[in-house]
Amino acid sequence: MSYTHTITVPLSWEEAVQRTREALAGQGFGILSEINVRSPFEAKLGADAAEAVGDYVILGACNPTLASRALAAEPDLGALLPCNVVVRRSGDADRTTVQAIDPQTMVRLSDHPAVREIADDAETRLRAALATLEGTSASAT
């Protein structure tokens, strides 16, 4: 079972993070949180662990309209928000991976009818953001 939508782009990690932010914003998502996974790995587990994970950030993306509808339908869905988007690249890679949570995961966990509609909308928007990112990276190469 897949729970993410994944693309790889021929961009540096920094450029992929910036363009991912822009693509998400174009679909109405803001970034509520940003977790740099590499930094605590290095601080707590050492340089080898940090090098193994590579450059790795988790962006907590939120479309306020969709989040509001989801929480109104089922307040417990807050445990699944925001929509996480990962941008990662190992040190020896020549491409950067971008992964977005598949909102249909919420549908598999909830039986509320409104959740399917909200997840469908979120999925359309996240896929559009990834497609935009793929398109801008293709023109950058």
Protein backbone atom coordinates (compact mmCIF):
# COMPACT_ATOMS: atom_id res chain seq x y z
CA MET A 1 0.00 0.00 0.00
CA SER A 2 1.40 3.34 -1.02
CA TYR A 3 0.77 6.31 1.21
CA THR A 4 2.73 8.96 -0.70
CA HIS A 5 2.90 10.55 -4.12
CA THR A 6 6.58 10.68 -5.11
CA ILE A 7 8.55 12.48 -7.78
CA THR A 8 12.24 13.00 -8.37
CA VAL A 9 13.54 16.21 -9.86
CA PRO A 10 16.96 17.22 -11.24
CA LEU A 11 17.29 20.09 -8.77
CA SER A 12 19.61 20.81 -5.88
CA TRP A 13 18.04 20.14 -2.52
CA GLU A 14 17.82 23.86 -1.68
CA GLU A 15 16.18 24.69 -5.01
CA ALA A 16 13.77 21.76 -4.67
CA VAL A 17 12.71 22.96 -1.20
CA GLN A 18 12.09 26.48 -2.50
CA ARG A 19 10.19 25.34 -5.58
CA THR A 20 8.16 22.89 -3.51
CA ARG A 21 7.09 25.75 -1.23
CA GLU A 22 6.10 27.80 -4.29
CA ALA A 23 4.19 24.94 -5.92
CA LEU A 24 2.29 24.27 -2.69
CA ALA A 25 1.46 27.96 -2.30
CA GLY A 26 0.08 27.93 -5.83
CA GLN A 27 -2.44 25.32 -4.66
CA GLY A 28 -3.45 27.25 -1.54
CA PHE A 29 -1.14 25.51 0.95
CA GLY A 30 0.88 27.37 3.53
CA ILE A 31 3.71 25.84 5.54
CA LEU A 32 2.80 25.49 9.21
CA SER A 33 5.93 23.66 10.24
CA GLU A 34 9.33 22.71 8.93
CA ILE A 35 11.35 19.88 10.40
CA ASN A 36 14.99 19.57 9.37
CA VAL A 37 15.62 15.89 10.07
CA ARG A 38 19.35 16.02 9.43
CA SER A 39 20.16 18.48 12.23
CA PRO A 40 18.81 16.46 15.18
CA PHE A 41 20.24 13.27 13.70
CA GLU A 42 23.64 14.90 13.70
CA ALA A 43 23.22 16.36 17.19
CA LYS A 44 21.81 13.22 18.80
CA LEU A 45 23.17 10.36 16.69
CA GLY A 46 26.34 11.74 15.16
CA ALA A 47 27.71 12.72 11.77
CA ASP A 48 27.35 9.24 10.27
CA ALA A 49 23.61 9.16 11.00
CA ALA A 50 23.21 12.65 9.55
CA GLU A 51 25.12 11.66 6.43
CA ALA A 52 23.02 8.51 6.05
CA VAL A 53 19.74 10.47 6.07
CA GLY A 54 21.18 13.23 3.88
CA ASP A 55 19.39 16.52 3.35
CA TYR A 56 15.87 15.85 4.58
CA VAL A 57 13.10 18.28 5.45
CA ILE A 58 9.45 17.67 6.32
CA LEU A 59 7.17 20.56 5.38
CA GLY A 60 3.86 20.63 7.23
CA ALA A 61 1.60 21.95 4.46
CA CYS A 62 -1.89 23.21 5.26
CA ASN A 63 -4.71 24.45 3.07
CA PRO A 64 -6.81 26.30 5.67
CA THR A 65 -10.10 25.81 3.81
CA LEU A 66 -9.61 22.07 3.51
CA ALA A 67 -8.34 21.74 7.08
CA SER A 68 -11.34 23.66 8.39
CA ARG A 69 -13.75 21.41 6.50
CA ALA A 70 -11.93 18.28 7.66
CA LEU A 71 -11.93 19.30 11.31
CA ALA A 72 -15.58 20.31 11.16
CA ALA A 73 -16.45 16.90 9.72
CA GLU A 74 -14.27 14.92 12.07
CA PRO A 75 -12.26 16.70 14.79
CA ASP A 76 -10.02 13.65 15.32
CA LEU A 77 -8.51 14.20 11.85
CA GLY A 78 -6.33 16.86 13.43
CA ALA A 79 -3.98 14.01 14.34
CA LEU A 80 -3.37 13.54 10.60
CA LEU A 81 -2.84 17.22 9.79
CA PRO A 82 -1.01 19.02 8.33
CA CYS A 83 -0.29 17.28 5.03
CA ASN A 84 3.38 16.33 5.24
CA VAL A 85 5.59 16.93 2.23
CA VAL A 86 9.14 15.56 2.33
CA VAL A 87 12.05 16.91 0.31
CA ARG A 88 15.11 14.66 0.58
CA ARG A 89 18.39 13.99 -1.09
CA SER A 90 21.31 11.78 -0.14
CA GLY A 91 24.78 13.19 -0.42
CA ASP A 92 25.71 11.16 -3.48
CA ALA A 93 22.42 11.65 -5.36
CA ASP A 94 22.07 13.70 -8.52
CA ARG A 95 18.31 14.15 -8.11
CA THR A 96 16.06 15.25 -5.25
CA THR A 97 12.99 13.31 -4.12
CA VAL A 98 9.76 15.09 -3.20
CA GLN A 99 7.00 13.13 -1.51
CA ALA A 100 3.53 14.24 -0.44
CA ILE A 101 1.21 12.29 1.80
CA ASP A 102 -1.61 10.62 -0.11
CA PRO A 103 -4.74 12.22 1.42
CA GLN A 104 -6.64 9.03 0.63
CA THR A 105 -4.93 7.67 3.74
CA MET A 106 -7.48 9.70 5.72
CA VAL A 107 -10.30 7.99 3.82
CA ARG A 108 -8.97 4.59 4.82
CA LEU A 109 -9.02 5.68 8.47
CA SER A 110 -12.36 7.47 8.58
CA ASP A 111 -15.86 6.46 7.62
CA HIS A 112 -17.22 10.05 7.54
CA PRO A 113 -18.64 10.77 4.06
CA ALA A 114 -17.28 14.34 3.93
CA VAL A 115 -13.73 13.10 4.46
CA ARG A 116 -13.65 11.44 1.01
CA GLU A 117 -14.60 14.71 -0.71
CA ILE A 118 -12.01 16.67 1.26
CA ALA A 119 -9.32 14.05 0.61
CA ASP A 120 -10.13 14.07 -3.10
CA ASP A 121 -9.72 17.85 -3.20
CA ALA A 122 -6.47 17.73 -1.21
CA GLU A 123 -5.12 14.97 -3.44
CA THR A 124 -5.93 16.94 -6.60
CA ARG A 125 -4.13 19.97 -5.18
CA LEU A 126 -1.08 18.06 -3.97
CA ARG A 127 -0.74 16.21 -7.28
CA ALA A 128 -1.04 19.54 -9.11
CA ALA A 129 1.72 21.00 -6.93
CA LEU A 130 3.97 18.02 -7.71
CA ALA A 131 3.17 18.30 -11.43
CA THR A 132 4.05 22.00 -11.31
CA LEU A 133 7.31 21.15 -9.59
CA GLU A 134 8.12 18.56 -12.25
CA GLY A 135 7.33 21.08 -14.97
CA THR A 136 9.46 23.87 -13.51
CA SER A 137 12.36 21.50 -12.94
CA ALA A 138 12.19 20.29 -16.53
CA SER A 139 12.48 23.86 -17.78
CA ALA A 140 15.40 24.46 -15.40
CA THR A 141 17.55 21.68 -16.85
